[in-house]
C-alpha atoms as a PDB file:
ATOM      1  CA  MET A   1      -6.367  -5.370 -16.903  1.00  0.00           C
ATOM      2  CA  SER A   2      -7.444  -6.270 -13.069  1.00  0.00           C
ATOM      3  CA  THR A   3      -6.492  -3.936 -10.252  1.00  0.00           C
ATOM      4  CA  LYS A   4      -6.879  -6.652  -7.686  1.00  0.00           C
ATOM      5  CA  SER A   5      -3.871  -7.802  -5.874  1.00  0.00           C
ATOM      6  CA  SER A   6      -4.457 -11.236  -4.184  1.00  0.00           C
ATOM      7  CA  VAL A   7      -3.727 -11.988  -0.939  1.00  0.00           C
ATOM      8  CA  ALA A   8      -5.442 -15.329  -0.397  1.00  0.00           C
ATOM      9  CA  TYR A   9      -8.053 -17.352  -2.511  1.00  0.00           C
ATOM     10  CA  GLY A  10      -9.454 -20.707  -3.022  1.00  0.00           C
ATOM     11  CA  PRO A  11     -12.372 -22.385  -4.848  1.00  0.00           C
ATOM     12  CA  ASN A  12     -15.005 -20.104  -3.387  1.00  0.00           C
ATOM     13  CA  PHE A  13     -13.212 -16.934  -1.672  1.00  0.00           C
ATOM     14  CA  HIS A  14     -10.946 -14.405  -2.781  1.00  0.00           C
ATOM     15  CA  LEU A  15      -9.293 -11.970  -0.397  1.00  0.00           C
ATOM     16  CA  TYR A  16      -7.631  -9.108  -2.076  1.00  0.00           C
ATOM     17  CA  ARG A  17      -6.507  -5.392  -2.163  1.00  0.00           C
ATOM     18  CA  GLU A  18      -7.392  -3.012  -4.778  1.00  0.00           C
ATOM     19  CA  VAL A  19      -4.163  -1.315  -6.344  1.00  0.00           C
ATOM     20  CA  LEU A  20      -3.729   2.160  -4.636  1.00  0.00           C
ATOM     21  CA  ASP A  21      -6.297   1.582  -2.315  1.00  0.00           C
ATOM     22  CA  ASP A  22      -4.772   1.056   1.350  1.00  0.00           C
ATOM     23  CA  ASP A  23      -7.809   1.680   3.031  1.00  0.00           C
ATOM     24  CA  PHE A  24      -9.676  -1.573   2.452  1.00  0.00           C
ATOM     25  CA  ILE A  25      -9.106  -5.237   1.903  1.00  0.00           C
ATOM     26  CA  TYR A  26     -11.973  -7.110   0.104  1.00  0.00           C
ATOM     27  CA  LEU A  27     -13.351 -10.488   0.728  1.00  0.00           C
ATOM     28  CA  GLU A  28     -15.530 -12.188  -1.700  1.00  0.00           C
ATOM     29  CA  ILE A  29     -17.175 -15.440  -0.707  1.00  0.00           C
ATOM     30  CA  GLU A  30     -19.221 -17.742  -3.072  1.00  0.00           C
ATOM     31  CA  GLY A  31     -21.922 -20.342  -1.735  1.00  0.00           C
ATOM     32  CA  VAL A  32     -22.586 -18.862   1.769  1.00  0.00           C
ATOM     33  CA  GLN A  33     -25.661 -16.946   3.294  1.00  0.00           C
ATOM     34  CA  PHE A  34     -25.402 -13.258   3.926  1.00  0.00           C
ATOM     35  CA  GLU A  35     -27.452 -10.645   5.487  1.00  0.00           C
ATOM     36  CA  ALA A  36     -28.079  -7.167   4.070  1.00  0.00           C
ATOM     37  CA  SER A  37     -29.694  -4.313   5.615  1.00  0.00           C
ATOM     38  CA  TYR A  38     -29.046  -0.506   5.488  1.00  0.00           C
ATOM     39  CA  ASN A  39     -25.361   0.359   5.651  1.00  0.00           C
ATOM     40  CA  ARG A  40     -24.455  -3.206   6.766  1.00  0.00           C
ATOM     41  CA  VAL A  41     -23.654  -6.516   5.312  1.00  0.00           C
ATOM     42  CA  MET A  42     -23.042  -9.749   7.414  1.00  0.00           C
ATOM     43  CA  VAL A  43     -21.051 -12.710   5.672  1.00  0.00           C
ATOM     44  CA  PRO A  44     -20.501 -15.762   7.672  1.00  0.00           C
ATOM     45  CA  ILE A  45     -16.971 -16.778   6.866  1.00  0.00           C
ATOM     46  CA  PRO A  46     -16.342 -20.522   6.784  1.00  0.00           C
ATOM     47  CA  VAL A  47     -13.744 -21.620   9.581  1.00  0.00           C
ATOM     48  CA  HIS A  48     -11.395 -23.416   6.830  1.00  0.00           C
ATOM     49  CA  ILE A  49     -11.414 -19.903   4.979  1.00  0.00           C
ATOM     50  CA  TRP A  50     -10.718 -18.038   8.111  1.00  0.00           C
ATOM     51  CA  GLU A  51      -7.749 -20.344   8.770  1.00  0.00           C
ATOM     52  CA  VAL A  52      -6.206 -19.790   5.346  1.00  0.00           C
ATOM     53  CA  ILE A  53      -7.056 -15.867   5.579  1.00  0.00           C
ATOM     54  CA  ARG A  54      -5.532 -15.376   9.114  1.00  0.00           C
ATOM     55  CA  LYS A  55      -2.181 -16.486   8.167  1.00  0.00           C
ATOM     56  CA  TYR A  56      -1.380 -13.774   5.688  1.00  0.00           C
ATOM     57  CA  GLU A  57       0.380 -10.492   7.029  1.00  0.00           C
ATOM     58  CA  GLY A  58      -1.564  -7.673   7.681  1.00  0.00           C
ATOM     59  CA  ALA A  59      -1.248  -3.868   6.429  1.00  0.00           C
ATOM     60  CA  ASP A  60       2.119  -2.554   5.775  1.00  0.00           C
ATOM     61  CA  LEU A  61       2.839  -0.127   8.364  1.00  0.00           C
ATOM     62  CA  SER A  62       6.675   0.062   7.906  1.00  0.00           C
ATOM     63  CA  TRP A  63       6.695   3.805   7.548  1.00  0.00           C
ATOM     64  CA  ALA A  64       4.584   4.604  10.560  1.00  0.00           C
ATOM     65  CA  GLU A  65       7.546   5.213  12.849  1.00  0.00           C
ATOM     66  CA  LYS A  66       9.822   6.945  10.497  1.00  0.00           C
ATOM     67  CA  THR A  67      11.219  10.088  11.326  1.00  0.00           C
ATOM     68  CA  ASP A  68      11.347  13.230   8.803  1.00  0.00           C
ATOM     69  CA  GLU A  69      15.019  12.426   8.732  1.00  0.00           C
ATOM     70  CA  ASP A  70      14.616   8.999   7.847  1.00  0.00           C
ATOM     71  CA  LEU A  71      12.271  10.042   5.066  1.00  0.00           C
ATOM     72  CA  LEU A  72      14.508  12.298   3.651  1.00  0.00           C
ATOM     73  CA  ARG A  73      17.553   9.945   3.739  1.00  0.00           C
ATOM     74  CA  HIS A  74      15.298   7.507   1.817  1.00  0.00           C
ATOM     75  CA  VAL A  75      14.056   9.968  -0.664  1.00  0.00           C
ATOM     76  CA  GLU A  76      17.631  11.333  -1.486  1.00  0.00           C
ATOM     77  CA  LYS A  77      18.913   7.793  -1.799  1.00  0.00           C
ATOM     78  CA  GLU A  78      16.171   6.719  -4.316  1.00  0.00           C
ATOM     79  CA  VAL A  79      16.294  10.079  -6.293  1.00  0.00           C
ATOM     80  CA  ASP A  80      20.126   9.945  -6.570  1.00  0.00           C
ATOM     81  CA  GLU A  81      19.814   6.445  -7.741  1.00  0.00           C
ATOM     82  CA  ARG A  82      17.296   6.802 -10.422  1.00  0.00           C
ATOM     83  CA  ILE A  83      18.895  10.148 -11.566  1.00  0.00           C
ATOM     84  CA  GLU A  84      22.160   8.078 -11.887  1.00  0.00           C
ATOM     85  CA  GLN A  85      20.494   5.287 -13.811  1.00  0.00           C
ATOM     86  CA  TYR A  86      18.758   8.033 -16.129  1.00  0.00           C
ATOM     87  CA  HIS A  87      21.917   9.779 -17.239  1.00  0.00           C
ATOM     88  CA  SER A  88      23.873   6.403 -17.621  1.00  0.00           C
ATOM     89  CA  GLU A  89      21.336   5.203 -20.196  1.00  0.00           C
ATOM     90  CA  GLU A  90      22.428   5.609 -23.708  1.00  0.00           C
ATOM     91  CA  LYS A  91      19.151   4.242 -25.673  1.00  0.00           C
ATOM     92  CA  GLU A  92      16.527   7.153 -25.710  1.00  0.00           C
ATOM     93  CA  THR A  93      13.525   4.408 -25.278  1.00  0.00           C
ATOM     94  CA  SER A  94      15.103   2.991 -22.037  1.00  0.00           C
ATOM     95  CA  LYS A  95      15.899   6.508 -20.903  1.00  0.00           C
ATOM     96  CA  ARG A  96      12.084   7.454 -21.153  1.00  0.00           C
ATOM     97  CA  LEU A  97      11.114   4.204 -19.230  1.00  0.00           C
ATOM     98  CA  ILE A  98      13.494   5.201 -16.520  1.00  0.00           C
ATOM     99  CA  ALA A  99      12.278   8.537 -16.407  1.00  0.00           C
ATOM    100  CA  LEU A 100       8.883   7.205 -15.788  1.00  0.00           C
ATOM    101  CA  PHE A 101       9.752   4.428 -13.386  1.00  0.00           C
ATOM    102  CA  GLY A 102       9.105   5.696  -9.775  1.00  0.00           C
ATOM    103  CA  SER A 103       7.124   8.871 -11.236  1.00  0.00           C
ATOM    104  CA  ILE A 104       4.283   8.402  -8.696  1.00  0.00           C
ATOM    105  CA  PRO A 105       6.200   9.449  -5.797  1.00  0.00           C
ATOM    106  CA  TYR A 106       8.924  11.511  -7.348  1.00  0.00           C
ATOM    107  CA  GLY A 107       7.929  12.896 -10.714  1.00  0.00           C
ATOM    108  CA  LEU A 108      10.088  12.131 -13.598  1.00  0.00           C
ATOM    109  CA  ALA A 109      13.545  11.239 -13.638  1.00  0.00           C
ATOM    110  CA  ASP A 110      14.563  14.048 -15.749  1.00  0.00           C
ATOM    111  CA  GLN A 111      13.137  16.542 -13.415  1.00  0.00           C
ATOM    112  CA  PRO A 112      15.458  18.816 -11.275  1.00  0.00           C
ATOM    113  CA  ARG A 113      16.706  16.699  -8.095  1.00  0.00           C
ATOM    114  CA  GLU A 114      15.256  19.348  -5.530  1.00  0.00           C
ATOM    115  CA  GLU A 115      11.650  18.925  -6.993  1.00  0.00           C
ATOM    116  CA  GLN A 116      12.028  15.211  -7.068  1.00  0.00           C
ATOM    117  CA  ILE A 117      13.017  15.197  -3.353  1.00  0.00           C
ATOM    118  CA  ALA A 118      10.379  17.506  -2.228  1.00  0.00           C
ATOM    119  CA  ARG A 119       7.860  15.392  -4.300  1.00  0.00           C
ATOM    120  CA  GLY A 120       8.999  12.481  -2.694  1.00  0.00           C
ATOM    121  CA  VAL A 121       9.319  13.607   0.772  1.00  0.00           C
ATOM    122  CA  ALA A 122       5.589  14.951   0.592  1.00  0.00           C
ATOM    123  CA  TYR A 123       4.697  11.410  -0.732  1.00  0.00           C
ATOM    124  CA  PHE A 124       6.055   9.486   1.881  1.00  0.00           C
ATOM    125  CA  LYS A 125       4.919  12.102   4.711  1.00  0.00           C
ATOM    126  CA  GLN A 126       1.391  11.191   3.398  1.00  0.00           C
ATOM    127  CA  MET A 127       1.931   7.728   3.547  1.00  0.00           C
ATOM    128  CA  ARG A 128       3.450   7.721   7.172  1.00  0.00           C
ATOM    129  CA  ASP A 129       0.578   9.723   8.209  1.00  0.00           C
ATOM    130  CA  HIS A 130      -2.003   7.310   6.614  1.00  0.00           C
ATOM    131  CA  GLN A 131       0.185   4.378   8.063  1.00  0.00           C
ATOM    132  CA  ARG A 132       0.018   6.263  11.490  1.00  0.00           C
ATOM    133  CA  GLN A 133      -3.919   6.630  11.299  1.00  0.00           C
ATOM    134  CA  ILE A 134      -4.178   2.925  10.480  1.00  0.00           C
ATOM    135  CA  LYS A 135      -1.859   1.913  13.391  1.00  0.00           C
ATOM    136  CA  GLN A 136      -3.969   4.218  15.587  1.00  0.00           C
ATOM    137  CA  SER A 137      -7.271   2.755  14.724  1.00  0.00           C
ATOM    138  CA  ILE A 138      -5.715  -0.744  15.276  1.00  0.00           C
ATOM    139  CA  GLU A 139      -4.458   0.032  18.648  1.00  0.00           C
ATOM    140  CA  ASP A 140      -7.963   1.597  19.485  1.00  0.00           C
ATOM    141  CA  LEU A 141      -9.872  -1.464  18.461  1.00  0.00           C
ATOM    142  CA  GLU A 142      -7.567  -3.834  20.451  1.00  0.00           C
ATOM    143  CA  ARG A 143      -7.875  -1.676  23.623  1.00  0.00           C
ATOM    144  CA  ALA A 144     -11.430  -1.604  23.230  1.00  0.00           C
ATOM    145  CA  ASN A 145     -11.504  -5.361  22.869  1.00  0.00           C
ATOM    146  CA  ARG A 146      -9.501  -6.041  25.817  1.00  0.00           C
ATOM    147  CA  ARG A 147     -12.081  -3.952  27.808  1.00  0.00           C
ATOM    148  CA  GLY A 148     -14.931  -5.927  26.477  1.00  0.00           C
END
């Protein structure tokens, strides 16, 4: 199973993200010259590929400006919905699937509400901090490019 999430692609290029990797976006280009040296690779991007790529949205920074209260409200709503869905399901096999869905940020749906909320808040705070770092890096680069 591939862990690539395509952003844009064509006959000789593929722009993609790796699942669970928010730090990089990857570009594979076939049939172009490149230069490589220690700690550096330069790949000329053909203009027609660049024009396709630049139309796609960049990094998700939707959590960067959220407050702690925003995060808590979001997590409580999500946890309450998944607990309700878990308890309303009668089939045991479906119940197990519901318990797993969303387990990365919250834990299992059959765990205590307080634990799920604590995990969810920690998860989204980490995501927010990461997005703030990316946003700051973008702003720093834009500022440097305006000066240069």
